[in-house]
N, C-alpha and C. Protein backbone atom coordinates (compact mmCIF):
# COMPACT_ATOMS: atom_id res chain seq x y z
N UNK A 1 123.53 19.86 123.37
CA UNK A 1 122.25 20.47 123.64
C UNK A 1 122.01 20.43 125.15
N UNK A 2 121.64 21.58 125.73
CA UNK A 2 121.44 21.60 127.18
C UNK A 2 120.22 20.79 127.60
N UNK A 3 120.32 20.19 128.78
CA UNK A 3 119.23 19.37 129.28
C UNK A 3 118.11 20.27 129.81
N UNK A 4 116.90 19.88 129.55
CA UNK A 4 115.73 20.65 129.97
C UNK A 4 115.51 20.49 131.47
N UNK A 5 115.30 21.61 132.16
CA UNK A 5 115.06 21.56 133.61
C UNK A 5 113.62 21.17 133.87
N UNK A 6 113.41 20.45 134.97
CA UNK A 6 112.07 20.01 135.34
C UNK A 6 111.71 20.58 136.71
N UNK A 7 110.47 21.06 136.81
CA UNK A 7 110.00 21.63 138.05
C UNK A 7 108.76 20.88 138.51
N UNK A 8 108.64 20.66 139.79
CA UNK A 8 107.49 19.93 140.33
C UNK A 8 106.26 20.83 140.31
N UNK A 9 105.10 20.19 140.39
CA UNK A 9 103.84 20.94 140.42
C UNK A 9 103.80 21.84 141.65
N UNK A 10 104.31 21.34 142.78
CA UNK A 10 104.28 22.12 144.01
C UNK A 10 105.11 23.39 143.88
N UNK A 11 106.26 23.27 143.23
CA UNK A 11 107.13 24.42 143.04
C UNK A 11 106.45 25.44 142.13
N UNK A 12 105.84 24.96 141.05
CA UNK A 12 105.14 25.86 140.11
C UNK A 12 103.98 26.55 140.83
N UNK A 13 103.23 25.78 141.61
CA UNK A 13 102.08 26.33 142.32
C UNK A 13 102.52 27.39 143.32
N UNK A 14 103.60 27.13 144.03
CA UNK A 14 104.11 28.11 145.00
C UNK A 14 104.53 29.40 144.29
N UNK A 15 105.18 29.25 143.14
CA UNK A 15 105.62 30.42 142.37
C UNK A 15 104.41 31.23 141.89
N UNK A 16 103.41 30.54 141.38
CA UNK A 16 102.21 31.23 140.88
C UNK A 16 101.48 31.93 142.02
N UNK A 17 101.38 31.28 143.16
CA UNK A 17 100.71 31.91 144.30
C UNK A 17 101.45 33.18 144.75
N UNK A 18 102.75 33.13 144.68
CA UNK A 18 103.53 34.33 145.03
C UNK A 18 103.31 35.43 144.01
N UNK A 19 103.21 35.04 142.72
CA UNK A 19 102.92 36.03 141.67
C UNK A 19 101.56 36.68 141.92
N UNK A 20 100.58 35.85 142.20
CA UNK A 20 99.23 36.36 142.40
C UNK A 20 99.11 37.19 143.67
N UNK A 21 100.02 36.96 144.60
CA UNK A 21 100.03 37.74 145.84
C UNK A 21 100.64 39.13 145.61
N UNK A 22 101.27 39.32 144.45
CA UNK A 22 101.78 40.65 144.12
C UNK A 22 103.28 40.79 144.04
N UNK A 23 104.02 39.69 144.15
CA UNK A 23 105.48 39.80 144.04
C UNK A 23 105.87 40.19 142.62
N UNK A 24 106.99 40.85 142.49
CA UNK A 24 107.50 41.27 141.20
C UNK A 24 107.99 40.05 140.42
N UNK A 25 107.62 40.01 139.14
CA UNK A 25 107.95 38.86 138.30
C UNK A 25 109.47 38.73 138.14
N UNK A 26 110.14 39.82 137.87
CA UNK A 26 111.59 39.76 137.65
C UNK A 26 112.34 39.26 138.88
N UNK A 27 111.96 39.76 140.05
CA UNK A 27 112.64 39.35 141.28
C UNK A 27 112.39 37.88 141.58
N UNK A 28 111.16 37.43 141.37
CA UNK A 28 110.83 36.03 141.62
C UNK A 28 111.55 35.12 140.63
N UNK A 29 111.61 35.53 139.38
CA UNK A 29 112.30 34.72 138.36
C UNK A 29 113.78 34.59 138.70
N UNK A 30 114.38 35.67 139.15
CA UNK A 30 115.81 35.63 139.51
C UNK A 30 116.03 34.72 140.71
N UNK A 31 115.14 34.82 141.70
CA UNK A 31 115.27 34.00 142.91
C UNK A 31 115.13 32.51 142.59
N UNK A 32 114.17 32.17 141.72
CA UNK A 32 113.92 30.76 141.40
C UNK A 32 114.82 30.22 140.29
N UNK A 33 115.46 31.12 139.58
CA UNK A 33 116.34 30.69 138.49
C UNK A 33 115.58 30.25 137.25
N UNK A 34 114.46 30.89 137.00
CA UNK A 34 113.67 30.61 135.79
C UNK A 34 113.45 31.92 135.05
N UNK A 35 113.03 31.81 133.81
CA UNK A 35 112.75 33.00 133.03
C UNK A 35 111.39 33.59 133.36
N UNK A 36 111.27 34.88 133.13
CA UNK A 36 109.99 35.55 133.38
C UNK A 36 108.89 34.98 132.48
N UNK A 37 109.28 34.61 131.27
CA UNK A 37 108.31 34.04 130.34
C UNK A 37 107.71 32.74 130.90
N UNK A 38 108.55 31.96 131.56
CA UNK A 38 108.09 30.71 132.15
C UNK A 38 107.09 30.99 133.28
N UNK A 39 107.36 32.00 134.10
CA UNK A 39 106.44 32.35 135.17
C UNK A 39 105.09 32.81 134.62
N UNK A 40 105.14 33.62 133.57
CA UNK A 40 103.88 34.04 132.94
C UNK A 40 103.12 32.85 132.37
N UNK A 41 103.86 31.91 131.81
CA UNK A 41 103.25 30.69 131.25
C UNK A 41 102.57 29.88 132.35
N UNK A 42 103.24 29.69 133.47
CA UNK A 42 102.66 28.94 134.58
C UNK A 42 101.42 29.65 135.13
N UNK A 43 101.51 30.98 135.23
CA UNK A 43 100.36 31.73 135.73
C UNK A 43 99.16 31.58 134.80
N UNK A 44 99.39 31.65 133.50
CA UNK A 44 98.30 31.50 132.54
C UNK A 44 97.67 30.12 132.63
N UNK A 45 98.50 29.08 132.76
CA UNK A 45 97.98 27.72 132.91
C UNK A 45 97.16 27.60 134.18
N UNK A 46 97.66 28.18 135.26
CA UNK A 46 96.95 28.11 136.55
C UNK A 46 95.60 28.82 136.46
N UNK A 47 95.58 29.99 135.84
CA UNK A 47 94.34 30.76 135.74
C UNK A 47 93.32 30.08 134.83
N UNK A 48 93.79 29.33 133.86
CA UNK A 48 92.85 28.67 132.95
C UNK A 48 92.39 27.30 133.45
N UNK A 49 93.23 26.62 134.23
CA UNK A 49 92.86 25.26 134.63
C UNK A 49 93.10 24.92 136.08
N UNK A 50 93.47 25.88 136.88
CA UNK A 50 93.71 25.62 138.29
C UNK A 50 95.01 24.89 138.54
N UNK A 51 95.16 24.38 139.74
CA UNK A 51 96.40 23.70 140.13
C UNK A 51 96.64 22.44 139.31
N UNK A 52 95.57 21.80 138.85
CA UNK A 52 95.72 20.58 138.07
C UNK A 52 96.39 20.84 136.73
N UNK A 53 96.29 22.06 136.23
CA UNK A 53 96.91 22.38 134.94
C UNK A 53 98.43 22.48 135.04
N UNK A 54 98.94 22.67 136.24
CA UNK A 54 100.39 22.73 136.45
C UNK A 54 100.89 21.31 136.70
N UNK A 55 100.99 20.54 135.65
CA UNK A 55 101.36 19.14 135.81
C UNK A 55 102.84 18.97 136.14
N UNK A 56 103.13 17.90 136.81
CA UNK A 56 104.51 17.57 137.16
C UNK A 56 105.21 17.00 135.93
N UNK A 57 106.56 17.00 135.93
CA UNK A 57 107.28 16.46 134.78
C UNK A 57 106.96 14.98 134.57
N UNK A 58 106.79 14.61 133.33
CA UNK A 58 106.56 13.22 132.99
C UNK A 58 105.11 12.78 133.05
N UNK A 59 104.23 13.64 133.53
CA UNK A 59 102.81 13.29 133.59
C UNK A 59 102.16 13.58 132.25
N UNK A 60 101.27 12.71 131.85
CA UNK A 60 100.52 12.91 130.62
C UNK A 60 99.54 14.05 130.86
N UNK A 61 99.38 14.98 129.90
CA UNK A 61 98.50 16.13 130.11
C UNK A 61 97.08 15.76 130.51
N UNK A 62 96.51 14.70 129.94
CA UNK A 62 95.13 14.33 130.26
C UNK A 62 95.01 13.82 131.69
N UNK A 63 95.97 13.02 132.12
CA UNK A 63 95.89 12.49 133.48
C UNK A 63 96.26 13.56 134.50
N UNK A 64 97.06 14.53 134.11
CA UNK A 64 97.44 15.57 135.05
C UNK A 64 96.31 16.57 135.25
N UNK A 65 95.58 16.86 134.19
CA UNK A 65 94.53 17.88 134.28
C UNK A 65 93.27 17.35 134.95
N UNK A 66 93.05 16.06 134.90
CA UNK A 66 91.84 15.49 135.48
C UNK A 66 92.27 14.56 136.60
N UNK A 67 91.62 14.70 137.73
CA UNK A 67 92.00 13.95 138.91
C UNK A 67 91.47 12.53 138.91
N UNK A 68 91.25 12.00 140.11
CA UNK A 68 90.76 10.64 140.27
C UNK A 68 89.37 10.46 139.63
N UNK A 69 88.95 9.20 139.44
CA UNK A 69 87.66 8.95 138.78
C UNK A 69 86.49 9.65 139.45
N UNK A 70 86.47 9.72 140.77
CA UNK A 70 85.37 10.39 141.47
C UNK A 70 85.32 11.87 141.09
N UNK A 71 86.50 12.47 141.01
CA UNK A 71 86.60 13.88 140.66
C UNK A 71 86.12 14.09 139.22
N UNK A 72 86.49 13.17 138.33
CA UNK A 72 86.03 13.27 136.93
C UNK A 72 84.53 13.13 136.83
N UNK A 73 83.94 12.25 137.64
CA UNK A 73 82.49 12.07 137.63
C UNK A 73 81.80 13.34 138.13
N UNK A 74 82.35 13.94 139.18
CA UNK A 74 81.79 15.19 139.70
C UNK A 74 81.88 16.29 138.66
N UNK A 75 83.00 16.34 137.95
CA UNK A 75 83.19 17.35 136.90
C UNK A 75 82.18 17.15 135.78
N UNK A 76 82.00 15.91 135.36
CA UNK A 76 81.04 15.63 134.28
C UNK A 76 79.63 15.98 134.72
N UNK A 77 79.29 15.68 135.96
CA UNK A 77 77.96 16.00 136.48
C UNK A 77 77.77 17.52 136.55
N UNK A 78 78.78 18.24 136.97
CA UNK A 78 78.69 19.70 137.05
C UNK A 78 78.56 20.31 135.66
N UNK A 79 79.30 19.77 134.69
CA UNK A 79 79.20 20.28 133.32
C UNK A 79 77.81 20.02 132.74
N UNK A 80 77.25 18.87 133.02
CA UNK A 80 75.89 18.56 132.54
C UNK A 80 74.88 19.52 133.17
N UNK A 81 75.06 19.82 134.44
CA UNK A 81 74.16 20.76 135.12
C UNK A 81 74.28 22.15 134.52
N UNK A 82 75.49 22.56 134.19
CA UNK A 82 75.71 23.87 133.58
C UNK A 82 74.99 23.95 132.24
N UNK A 83 75.12 22.90 131.43
CA UNK A 83 74.45 22.87 130.13
C UNK A 83 72.93 22.97 130.32
N UNK A 84 72.41 22.22 131.28
CA UNK A 84 70.97 22.24 131.54
C UNK A 84 70.50 23.64 131.96
N UNK A 85 71.25 24.28 132.84
CA UNK A 85 70.88 25.62 133.31
C UNK A 85 70.99 26.66 132.20
N UNK A 86 72.01 26.54 131.35
CA UNK A 86 72.15 27.47 130.23
C UNK A 86 70.98 27.32 129.26
N UNK A 87 70.55 26.10 129.04
CA UNK A 87 69.40 25.85 128.17
C UNK A 87 68.14 26.48 128.78
N UNK A 88 67.99 26.34 130.09
CA UNK A 88 66.82 26.90 130.77
C UNK A 88 66.83 28.43 130.69
N UNK A 89 67.99 29.03 130.89
CA UNK A 89 68.11 30.49 130.80
C UNK A 89 67.75 30.95 129.38
N UNK A 90 68.19 30.21 128.38
CA UNK A 90 67.87 30.55 127.00
C UNK A 90 66.38 30.54 126.75
N UNK A 91 65.70 29.50 127.27
CA UNK A 91 64.24 29.43 127.12
C UNK A 91 63.56 30.60 127.81
N UNK A 92 64.04 30.94 128.99
CA UNK A 92 63.44 32.06 129.72
C UNK A 92 63.65 33.38 128.98
N UNK A 93 64.79 33.55 128.35
CA UNK A 93 65.04 34.76 127.57
C UNK A 93 64.06 34.84 126.40
N UNK A 94 63.81 33.71 125.74
CA UNK A 94 62.85 33.69 124.64
C UNK A 94 61.45 34.06 125.13
N UNK A 95 61.05 33.51 126.26
CA UNK A 95 59.74 33.82 126.81
C UNK A 95 59.63 35.30 127.18
N UNK A 96 60.67 35.85 127.79
CA UNK A 96 60.65 37.26 128.14
C UNK A 96 60.53 38.14 126.90
N UNK A 97 61.27 37.79 125.85
CA UNK A 97 61.18 38.56 124.60
C UNK A 97 59.76 38.50 124.05
N UNK A 98 59.16 37.32 124.07
CA UNK A 98 57.80 37.16 123.57
C UNK A 98 56.83 38.05 124.34
N UNK A 99 56.91 38.01 125.67
CA UNK A 99 55.99 38.79 126.49
C UNK A 99 56.25 40.29 126.37
N UNK A 100 57.49 40.69 126.20
CA UNK A 100 57.78 42.12 125.99
C UNK A 100 57.13 42.61 124.70
N UNK A 101 57.27 41.82 123.63
CA UNK A 101 56.66 42.20 122.35
C UNK A 101 55.15 42.24 122.46
N UNK A 102 54.57 41.25 123.13
CA UNK A 102 53.12 41.22 123.29
C UNK A 102 52.65 42.43 124.09
N UNK A 103 53.33 42.77 125.15
CA UNK A 103 52.97 43.93 125.97
C UNK A 103 53.09 45.21 125.16
N UNK A 104 54.14 45.31 124.36
CA UNK A 104 54.33 46.49 123.53
C UNK A 104 53.16 46.63 122.54
N UNK A 105 52.73 45.53 121.94
CA UNK A 105 51.62 45.58 120.99
C UNK A 105 50.32 45.98 121.68
N UNK A 106 50.08 45.46 122.87
CA UNK A 106 48.87 45.82 123.62
C UNK A 106 48.90 47.31 123.95
N UNK A 107 50.03 47.82 124.38
CA UNK A 107 50.14 49.24 124.73
C UNK A 107 49.93 50.13 123.50
N UNK A 108 50.44 49.68 122.35
CA UNK A 108 50.27 50.47 121.12
C UNK A 108 48.81 50.50 120.68
N UNK A 109 48.07 49.44 120.86
CA UNK A 109 46.68 49.37 120.44
C UNK A 109 45.77 50.16 121.36
N UNK A 110 46.10 50.25 122.61
CA UNK A 110 45.29 51.01 123.56
C UNK A 110 45.57 52.48 123.37
N UNK A 111 44.52 53.25 123.37
CA UNK A 111 44.67 54.69 123.26
C UNK A 111 44.16 55.31 124.54
N UNK A 112 44.84 56.30 125.04
CA UNK A 112 44.41 56.89 126.31
C UNK A 112 43.07 57.62 126.14
N UNK A 113 42.27 57.57 127.18
CA UNK A 113 40.98 58.28 127.15
C UNK A 113 41.23 59.77 127.37
N UNK A 114 40.27 60.59 126.95
CA UNK A 114 40.44 62.04 127.06
C UNK A 114 40.06 62.58 128.43
N UNK A 115 39.60 61.75 129.30
CA UNK A 115 39.24 62.22 130.62
C UNK A 115 38.08 61.41 131.16
N UNK A 116 37.50 61.85 132.27
CA UNK A 116 36.40 61.10 132.86
C UNK A 116 35.17 61.13 131.96
N UNK A 117 34.54 60.00 131.84
CA UNK A 117 33.34 59.88 131.04
C UNK A 117 33.59 59.63 129.56
N UNK A 118 34.84 59.63 129.14
CA UNK A 118 35.14 59.38 127.73
C UNK A 118 35.00 57.89 127.45
N UNK A 119 34.77 57.57 126.20
CA UNK A 119 34.63 56.16 125.85
C UNK A 119 35.98 55.45 125.96
N UNK A 120 35.92 54.18 126.23
CA UNK A 120 37.15 53.40 126.39
C UNK A 120 37.81 53.18 125.03
N UNK A 121 39.06 52.85 125.06
CA UNK A 121 39.81 52.69 123.82
C UNK A 121 39.58 51.34 123.16
N UNK A 122 39.05 50.40 123.89
CA UNK A 122 38.78 49.09 123.32
C UNK A 122 37.29 48.78 123.43
N UNK A 123 36.83 47.90 122.56
CA UNK A 123 35.42 47.55 122.59
C UNK A 123 35.13 46.68 123.81
N UNK A 124 33.91 46.83 124.32
CA UNK A 124 33.51 46.01 125.44
C UNK A 124 33.01 44.68 124.92
N UNK A 125 33.26 43.64 125.66
CA UNK A 125 32.73 42.34 125.25
C UNK A 125 31.26 42.27 125.65
N UNK A 126 30.49 41.56 124.85
CA UNK A 126 29.06 41.41 125.15
C UNK A 126 28.84 40.06 125.77
N UNK A 127 28.14 40.06 126.85
CA UNK A 127 27.85 38.80 127.53
C UNK A 127 26.40 38.54 127.57
């Protein structure tokens, strides 16, 4: 059984950057001695998870995808902020829908006057 080849993260990243710069996949694969399918796989991983997704050989996927503890804390904080903002946007959408419906109902109940001196479409309040 042939031995599996291993490529460093730096090599994978350089190949992906060249792909994204517009180089032909077939020519790059031939130059690097890898299959085109492998290049497409690396590009997909890079696009979905950035440079951290292109882990080096022998690295555990969880430790390769997530950096040092400070970086993980920043990521968790950013994700919490995203959740908070999405929740806020959802509430605002609900409020906008409510006010649109209320405005529509008010417009439907009001009837245009026939001209100057005509009675108003709504009753006047008595004070």
